[in-house]
Amino acid sequence: MSFLFVDRIDGKNIICEDTDGNEVILNKEKTREEIKESDVIYIDIFGNISIDKEKTKQRKNEILNLREKLNKNNI
């Protein structure tokens, strides 16, 4: 299973980043779920694209924590 981080939605394309930092572009029409920016998605062995709700929640919390730390340090 491959995890991808959704960077943005551009028309019919979902622009993602993989765990190595490489850009991956997926066709939005091939997804069954409503994918949004900052979602963590995965592609199973059959090519199905799904949102990992738990990893998405974890990632959003990590980003919020980083922002709080930066604000505290006036960066």
C-alpha atoms as a PDB file:
ATOM      1  CA  MET A   1       0.000   0.000   0.000  1.00  0.00           C
ATOM      2  CA  SER A   2       1.343   3.434  -0.990  1.00  0.00           C
ATOM      3  CA  PHE A   3       0.549   6.534   1.041  1.00  0.00           C
ATOM      4  CA  LEU A   4       0.274   9.931  -0.620  1.00  0.00           C
ATOM      5  CA  PHE A   5      -0.266  13.400   0.814  1.00  0.00           C
ATOM      6  CA  VAL A   6      -2.722  15.541  -1.156  1.00  0.00           C
ATOM      7  CA  ASP A   7      -1.128  18.915  -1.859  1.00  0.00           C
ATOM      8  CA  ARG A   8      -3.883  20.416  -4.002  1.00  0.00           C
ATOM      9  CA  ILE A   9      -6.711  19.741  -6.399  1.00  0.00           C
ATOM     10  CA  ASP A  10      -6.247  21.207  -9.868  1.00  0.00           C
ATOM     11  CA  GLY A  11      -9.276  20.685 -12.074  1.00  0.00           C
ATOM     12  CA  LYS A  12      -9.544  16.947 -12.664  1.00  0.00           C
ATOM     13  CA  ASN A  13      -6.123  16.248 -11.142  1.00  0.00           C
ATOM     14  CA  ILE A  14      -5.144  15.447  -7.584  1.00  0.00           C
ATOM     15  CA  ILE A  15      -1.587  16.678  -7.011  1.00  0.00           C
ATOM     16  CA  CYS A  16       0.082  14.580  -4.308  1.00  0.00           C
ATOM     17  CA  GLU A  17       3.446  14.015  -2.725  1.00  0.00           C
ATOM     18  CA  ASP A  18       4.721  10.559  -1.852  1.00  0.00           C
ATOM     19  CA  THR A  19       6.749   9.690   1.239  1.00  0.00           C
ATOM     20  CA  ASP A  20       9.987  10.390  -0.691  1.00  0.00           C
ATOM     21  CA  GLY A  21       8.848  13.894  -1.688  1.00  0.00           C
ATOM     22  CA  ASN A  22       8.094  13.023  -5.306  1.00  0.00           C
ATOM     23  CA  GLU A  23       5.102  14.617  -7.014  1.00  0.00           C
ATOM     24  CA  VAL A  24       2.350  12.218  -8.067  1.00  0.00           C
ATOM     25  CA  ILE A  25      -0.613  13.277 -10.191  1.00  0.00           C
ATOM     26  CA  LEU A  26      -3.831  11.247 -10.032  1.00  0.00           C
ATOM     27  CA  ASN A  27      -7.041  11.540 -12.032  1.00  0.00           C
ATOM     28  CA  LYS A  28      -9.784  12.815  -9.716  1.00  0.00           C
ATOM     29  CA  GLU A  29     -12.423  10.960 -11.730  1.00  0.00           C
ATOM     30  CA  LYS A  30     -10.924   7.605 -10.714  1.00  0.00           C
ATOM     31  CA  THR A  31     -11.701   8.138  -7.031  1.00  0.00           C
ATOM     32  CA  ARG A  32     -14.885   7.107  -5.265  1.00  0.00           C
ATOM     33  CA  GLU A  33     -14.478   9.444  -2.305  1.00  0.00           C
ATOM     34  CA  GLU A  34     -14.446  13.245  -2.081  1.00  0.00           C
ATOM     35  CA  ILE A  35     -10.725  13.879  -1.648  1.00  0.00           C
ATOM     36  CA  LYS A  36      -9.614  17.257  -0.286  1.00  0.00           C
ATOM     37  CA  GLU A  37      -6.357  19.119   0.121  1.00  0.00           C
ATOM     38  CA  SER A  38      -4.254  17.804   3.031  1.00  0.00           C
ATOM     39  CA  ASP A  39      -5.894  14.354   3.002  1.00  0.00           C
ATOM     40  CA  VAL A  40      -3.675  11.308   3.330  1.00  0.00           C
ATOM     41  CA  ILE A  41      -4.681   8.768   0.728  1.00  0.00           C
ATOM     42  CA  TYR A  42      -3.497   5.328  -0.205  1.00  0.00           C
ATOM     43  CA  ILE A  43      -3.581   3.148  -3.263  1.00  0.00           C
ATOM     44  CA  ASP A  44      -4.184  -0.543  -2.637  1.00  0.00           C
ATOM     45  CA  ILE A  45      -2.777  -3.394  -4.716  1.00  0.00           C
ATOM     46  CA  PHE A  46      -5.809  -3.186  -7.028  1.00  0.00           C
ATOM     47  CA  GLY A  47      -5.281   0.517  -7.747  1.00  0.00           C
ATOM     48  CA  ASN A  48      -8.198   1.709  -5.609  1.00  0.00           C
ATOM     49  CA  ILE A  49      -7.686   5.139  -4.056  1.00  0.00           C
ATOM     50  CA  SER A  50      -9.027   5.725  -0.539  1.00  0.00           C
ATOM     51  CA  ILE A  51      -8.675   8.284   2.232  1.00  0.00           C
ATOM     52  CA  ASP A  52      -6.934   7.147   5.404  1.00  0.00           C
ATOM     53  CA  LYS A  53      -8.988   9.164   7.857  1.00  0.00           C
ATOM     54  CA  GLU A  54      -6.803   8.308  10.873  1.00  0.00           C
ATOM     55  CA  LYS A  55      -3.530   9.266   9.150  1.00  0.00           C
ATOM     56  CA  THR A  56      -5.184  12.438   7.824  1.00  0.00           C
ATOM     57  CA  LYS A  57      -6.218  13.400  11.355  1.00  0.00           C
ATOM     58  CA  GLN A  58      -2.724  12.647  12.699  1.00  0.00           C
ATOM     59  CA  ARG A  59      -1.043  14.689   9.966  1.00  0.00           C
ATOM     60  CA  LYS A  60      -3.351  17.675  10.526  1.00  0.00           C
ATOM     61  CA  ASN A  61      -2.595  17.560  14.268  1.00  0.00           C
ATOM     62  CA  GLU A  62       1.152  17.411  13.579  1.00  0.00           C
ATOM     63  CA  ILE A  63       0.912  20.457  11.317  1.00  0.00           C
ATOM     64  CA  LEU A  64      -1.127  22.380  13.909  1.00  0.00           C
ATOM     65  CA  ASN A  65       1.443  21.559  16.580  1.00  0.00           C
ATOM     66  CA  LEU A  66       4.282  22.752  14.344  1.00  0.00           C
ATOM     67  CA  ARG A  67       2.439  26.015  13.649  1.00  0.00           C
ATOM     68  CA  GLU A  68       1.913  26.565  17.377  1.00  0.00           C
ATOM     69  CA  LYS A  69       5.626  26.003  18.044  1.00  0.00           C
ATOM     70  CA  LEU A  70       6.570  28.442  15.289  1.00  0.00           C
ATOM     71  CA  ASN A  71       4.174  31.064  16.644  1.00  0.00           C
ATOM     72  CA  LYS A  72       5.600  30.677  20.142  1.00  0.00           C
ATOM     73  CA  ASN A  73       9.110  31.194  18.781  1.00  0.00           C
ATOM     74  CA  ASN A  74       8.010  34.183  16.631  1.00  0.00           C
ATOM     75  CA  ILE A  75       9.255  32.559  13.453  1.00  0.00           C
END
